[in-house]
Amino acid sequence: MTSSVKAILDLKGRDVVTAGPNTTVAEAAVILSKKKIGAIVVVGMENRISGMFTERDLVHAIAKHGKDGLDQSLAQVMTAKVYRCHEETTVNELMELMTSRRFRHVPVESNGKLAGIISIGDVVKSRIAEVEREAEDIKAYIAG
């Protein structure tokens, strides 16, 4: 049985680091560093997803604007086209999305609002646990 996004969120929690669209790139870089994370979900009114700001976006802002890139707002440099998943999304579906689109972070949306975030590390951890459970079941079946 394939795990779902809901199962991952139930284990890891639903806390998400967010920032508003007017946050500067410099401020976001400090958040990424302090929290030791690779992405911030940019939210607008009513906690609705506006975009994602990732380490990759930080690099692009600096490469394009030099040190002035640090003064840009997240709205100016974020990834605006955000692929989302839902709690019912399976780990296999999420792995396919993350691999094909080259994402390391996917926000979880429920009723149009941010409900969590899944990283590639979360997916790998879930998949390893699933394979270990399957191996234990096979051992029990053979022994039993």
C-alpha atoms as a PDB file:
ATOM      1  CA  MET A   1       0.000   0.000   0.000  1.00  0.00           C
ATOM      2  CA  THR A   2       1.389   3.358  -1.022  1.00  0.00           C
ATOM      3  CA  SER A   3       1.552   6.102   1.594  1.00  0.00           C
ATOM      4  CA  SER A   4      -0.201   9.401   1.091  1.00  0.00           C
ATOM      5  CA  VAL A   5       0.792  12.997   1.674  1.00  0.00           C
ATOM      6  CA  LYS A   6      -1.617  13.010   4.622  1.00  0.00           C
ATOM      7  CA  ALA A   7       0.326  10.171   6.274  1.00  0.00           C
ATOM      8  CA  ILE A   8       3.599  12.086   5.870  1.00  0.00           C
ATOM      9  CA  LEU A   9       2.091  15.287   7.282  1.00  0.00           C
ATOM     10  CA  ASP A  10       0.545  13.396  10.196  1.00  0.00           C
ATOM     11  CA  LEU A  11       4.054  12.173  11.125  1.00  0.00           C
ATOM     12  CA  LYS A  12       6.147  15.265  10.444  1.00  0.00           C
ATOM     13  CA  GLY A  13       3.668  18.004  11.204  1.00  0.00           C
ATOM     14  CA  ARG A  14       2.084  20.737   9.177  1.00  0.00           C
ATOM     15  CA  ASP A  15       4.244  23.729  10.077  1.00  0.00           C
ATOM     16  CA  VAL A  16       5.402  25.694   7.051  1.00  0.00           C
ATOM     17  CA  VAL A  17       7.796  28.622   6.923  1.00  0.00           C
ATOM     18  CA  THR A  18       6.087  31.391   4.991  1.00  0.00           C
ATOM     19  CA  ALA A  19       6.761  34.974   4.005  1.00  0.00           C
ATOM     20  CA  GLY A  20       4.780  37.740   2.389  1.00  0.00           C
ATOM     21  CA  PRO A  21       5.388  38.874  -1.186  1.00  0.00           C
ATOM     22  CA  ASN A  22       6.977  42.145  -0.007  1.00  0.00           C
ATOM     23  CA  THR A  23       9.704  40.355   1.981  1.00  0.00           C
ATOM     24  CA  THR A  24      13.104  41.140   0.482  1.00  0.00           C
ATOM     25  CA  VAL A  25      15.439  38.507  -0.904  1.00  0.00           C
ATOM     26  CA  ALA A  26      17.952  39.439   1.824  1.00  0.00           C
ATOM     27  CA  GLU A  27      15.343  38.869   4.542  1.00  0.00           C
ATOM     28  CA  ALA A  28      14.342  35.559   2.962  1.00  0.00           C
ATOM     29  CA  ALA A  29      17.983  34.449   2.767  1.00  0.00           C
ATOM     30  CA  VAL A  30      18.301  35.031   6.519  1.00  0.00           C
ATOM     31  CA  ILE A  31      15.162  32.939   7.121  1.00  0.00           C
ATOM     32  CA  LEU A  32      16.467  30.094   4.935  1.00  0.00           C
ATOM     33  CA  SER A  33      19.770  30.136   6.812  1.00  0.00           C
ATOM     34  CA  LYS A  34      18.350  30.365  10.331  1.00  0.00           C
ATOM     35  CA  LYS A  35      15.717  27.682   9.741  1.00  0.00           C
ATOM     36  CA  LYS A  36      18.139  25.476   7.757  1.00  0.00           C
ATOM     37  CA  ILE A  37      15.608  24.994   4.989  1.00  0.00           C
ATOM     38  CA  GLY A  38      15.655  25.239   1.213  1.00  0.00           C
ATOM     39  CA  ALA A  39      12.322  26.903   0.471  1.00  0.00           C
ATOM     40  CA  ILE A  40       9.797  29.397   1.748  1.00  0.00           C
ATOM     41  CA  VAL A  41       6.180  29.422   0.659  1.00  0.00           C
ATOM     42  CA  VAL A  42       5.115  32.924  -0.322  1.00  0.00           C
ATOM     43  CA  VAL A  43       1.567  33.542   0.859  1.00  0.00           C
ATOM     44  CA  GLY A  44      -0.885  36.319   0.229  1.00  0.00           C
ATOM     45  CA  MET A  45      -4.301  37.039   1.649  1.00  0.00           C
ATOM     46  CA  GLU A  46      -5.994  34.319   3.699  1.00  0.00           C
ATOM     47  CA  ASN A  47      -2.884  32.104   3.656  1.00  0.00           C
ATOM     48  CA  ARG A  48      -3.257  31.403  -0.063  1.00  0.00           C
ATOM     49  CA  ILE A  49      -0.164  30.277  -1.942  1.00  0.00           C
ATOM     50  CA  SER A  50       1.273  33.037  -4.146  1.00  0.00           C
ATOM     51  CA  GLY A  51       4.613  31.449  -4.981  1.00  0.00           C
ATOM     52  CA  MET A  52       7.708  29.634  -3.781  1.00  0.00           C
ATOM     53  CA  PHE A  53      11.064  31.136  -2.989  1.00  0.00           C
ATOM     54  CA  THR A  54      13.872  28.604  -3.057  1.00  0.00           C
ATOM     55  CA  GLU A  55      17.640  28.578  -2.891  1.00  0.00           C
ATOM     56  CA  ARG A  56      17.544  28.368  -6.689  1.00  0.00           C
ATOM     57  CA  ASP A  57      15.517  31.605  -6.854  1.00  0.00           C
ATOM     58  CA  LEU A  58      18.086  33.260  -4.585  1.00  0.00           C
ATOM     59  CA  VAL A  59      20.906  32.267  -6.922  1.00  0.00           C
ATOM     60  CA  HIS A  60      18.984  33.522  -9.971  1.00  0.00           C
ATOM     61  CA  ALA A  61      18.277  36.894  -8.287  1.00  0.00           C
ATOM     62  CA  ILE A  62      21.966  37.413  -7.466  1.00  0.00           C
ATOM     63  CA  ALA A  63      23.110  36.215 -10.896  1.00  0.00           C
ATOM     64  CA  LYS A  64      20.691  38.567 -12.664  1.00  0.00           C
ATOM     65  CA  HIS A  65      20.874  41.664 -10.442  1.00  0.00           C
ATOM     66  CA  GLY A  66      24.125  41.283  -8.502  1.00  0.00           C
ATOM     67  CA  LYS A  67      24.016  42.591  -4.950  1.00  0.00           C
ATOM     68  CA  ASP A  68      20.920  44.652  -5.866  1.00  0.00           C
ATOM     69  CA  GLY A  69      19.103  41.337  -6.144  1.00  0.00           C
ATOM     70  CA  LEU A  70      19.068  41.218  -2.350  1.00  0.00           C
ATOM     71  CA  ASP A  71      16.800  44.275  -2.316  1.00  0.00           C
ATOM     72  CA  GLN A  72      14.251  42.725  -4.686  1.00  0.00           C
ATOM     73  CA  SER A  73      10.939  41.612  -3.199  1.00  0.00           C
ATOM     74  CA  LEU A  74       9.998  37.951  -3.241  1.00  0.00           C
ATOM     75  CA  ALA A  75       7.121  38.854  -5.575  1.00  0.00           C
ATOM     76  CA  GLN A  76       9.726  39.970  -8.127  1.00  0.00           C
ATOM     77  CA  VAL A  77      11.914  36.850  -8.028  1.00  0.00           C
ATOM     78  CA  MET A  78       9.803  33.959  -6.702  1.00  0.00           C
ATOM     79  CA  THR A  79       8.596  31.021  -8.720  1.00  0.00           C
ATOM     80  CA  ALA A  80       5.009  32.088  -9.355  1.00  0.00           C
ATOM     81  CA  LYS A  81       3.779  28.924 -11.059  1.00  0.00           C
ATOM     82  CA  VAL A  82       3.595  26.618  -8.062  1.00  0.00           C
ATOM     83  CA  TYR A  83       2.714  22.968  -8.427  1.00  0.00           C
ATOM     84  CA  ARG A  84       0.726  21.818  -5.441  1.00  0.00           C
ATOM     85  CA  CYS A  85      -0.366  18.499  -4.080  1.00  0.00           C
ATOM     86  CA  HIS A  86      -3.204  17.469  -1.795  1.00  0.00           C
ATOM     87  CA  GLU A  87      -3.429  15.182   1.212  1.00  0.00           C
ATOM     88  CA  GLU A  88      -4.849  12.409  -0.995  1.00  0.00           C
ATOM     89  CA  THR A  89      -1.815  12.513  -3.321  1.00  0.00           C
ATOM     90  CA  THR A  90       0.176   9.293  -3.079  1.00  0.00           C
ATOM     91  CA  VAL A  91       3.902   9.192  -2.441  1.00  0.00           C
ATOM     92  CA  ASN A  92       4.386   7.608  -5.863  1.00  0.00           C
ATOM     93  CA  GLU A  93       2.468  10.437  -7.565  1.00  0.00           C
ATOM     94  CA  LEU A  94       4.492  12.977  -5.612  1.00  0.00           C
ATOM     95  CA  MET A  95       7.785  11.292  -6.540  1.00  0.00           C
ATOM     96  CA  GLU A  96       6.770  11.463 -10.207  1.00  0.00           C
ATOM     97  CA  LEU A  97       5.881  15.165  -9.929  1.00  0.00           C
ATOM     98  CA  MET A  98       9.081  16.044  -8.074  1.00  0.00           C
ATOM     99  CA  THR A  99      11.248  14.084 -10.499  1.00  0.00           C
ATOM    100  CA  SER A 100       9.640  15.272 -13.725  1.00  0.00           C
ATOM    101  CA  ARG A 101       9.416  18.926 -12.648  1.00  0.00           C
ATOM    102  CA  ARG A 102      12.720  18.930 -10.737  1.00  0.00           C
ATOM    103  CA  PHE A 103      11.172  20.222  -7.502  1.00  0.00           C
ATOM    104  CA  ARG A 104      12.531  19.535  -4.031  1.00  0.00           C
ATOM    105  CA  HIS A 105       9.579  21.104  -2.201  1.00  0.00           C
ATOM    106  CA  VAL A 106       5.863  20.894  -2.934  1.00  0.00           C
ATOM    107  CA  PRO A 107       3.257  22.766  -0.892  1.00  0.00           C
ATOM    108  CA  VAL A 108       0.148  20.916   0.190  1.00  0.00           C
ATOM    109  CA  GLU A 109      -3.100  22.712  -0.471  1.00  0.00           C
ATOM    110  CA  SER A 110      -6.480  22.099   1.135  1.00  0.00           C
ATOM    111  CA  ASN A 111      -9.559  24.118   0.188  1.00  0.00           C
ATOM    112  CA  GLY A 112      -7.348  26.617  -1.635  1.00  0.00           C
ATOM    113  CA  LYS A 113      -5.161  27.264   1.402  1.00  0.00           C
ATOM    114  CA  LEU A 114      -1.705  26.158   2.512  1.00  0.00           C
ATOM    115  CA  ALA A 115      -1.934  22.989   4.626  1.00  0.00           C
ATOM    116  CA  GLY A 116       1.694  21.822   4.753  1.00  0.00           C
ATOM    117  CA  ILE A 117       4.811  21.221   2.694  1.00  0.00           C
ATOM    118  CA  ILE A 118       6.554  18.060   1.547  1.00  0.00           C
ATOM    119  CA  SER A 119      10.265  17.936   0.757  1.00  0.00           C
ATOM    120  CA  ILE A 120      12.121  15.341  -1.255  1.00  0.00           C
ATOM    121  CA  GLY A 121      13.656  14.217   2.054  1.00  0.00           C
ATOM    122  CA  ASP A 122      10.175  13.548   3.434  1.00  0.00           C
ATOM    123  CA  VAL A 123       9.336  11.482   0.359  1.00  0.00           C
ATOM    124  CA  VAL A 124      12.544   9.446   0.568  1.00  0.00           C
ATOM    125  CA  LYS A 125      12.051   8.809   4.296  1.00  0.00           C
ATOM    126  CA  SER A 126       8.468   7.668   3.693  1.00  0.00           C
ATOM    127  CA  ARG A 127       9.451   5.400   0.829  1.00  0.00           C
ATOM    128  CA  ILE A 128      12.270   3.788   2.860  1.00  0.00           C
ATOM    129  CA  ALA A 129       9.855   3.116   5.731  1.00  0.00           C
ATOM    130  CA  GLU A 130       7.399   1.571   3.284  1.00  0.00           C
ATOM    131  CA  VAL A 131      10.055  -0.729   1.769  1.00  0.00           C
ATOM    132  CA  GLU A 132      11.200  -1.761   5.265  1.00  0.00           C
ATOM    133  CA  ARG A 133       7.590  -2.606   6.226  1.00  0.00           C
ATOM    134  CA  GLU A 134       7.215  -4.695   3.067  1.00  0.00           C
ATOM    135  CA  ALA A 135      10.452  -6.559   3.826  1.00  0.00           C
ATOM    136  CA  GLU A 136       9.274  -7.305   7.375  1.00  0.00           C
ATOM    137  CA  ASP A 137       5.937  -8.555   6.052  1.00  0.00           C
ATOM    138  CA  ILE A 138       7.703 -10.877   3.623  1.00  0.00           C
ATOM    139  CA  LYS A 139       9.993 -12.188   6.386  1.00  0.00           C
ATOM    140  CA  ALA A 140       6.982 -12.818   8.628  1.00  0.00           C
ATOM    141  CA  TYR A 141       5.160 -14.583   5.805  1.00  0.00           C
ATOM    142  CA  ILE A 142       8.128 -16.833   5.034  1.00  0.00           C
ATOM    143  CA  ALA A 143       8.773 -17.613   8.695  1.00  0.00           C
ATOM    144  CA  GLY A 144       5.126 -18.042   9.493  1.00  0.00           C
END
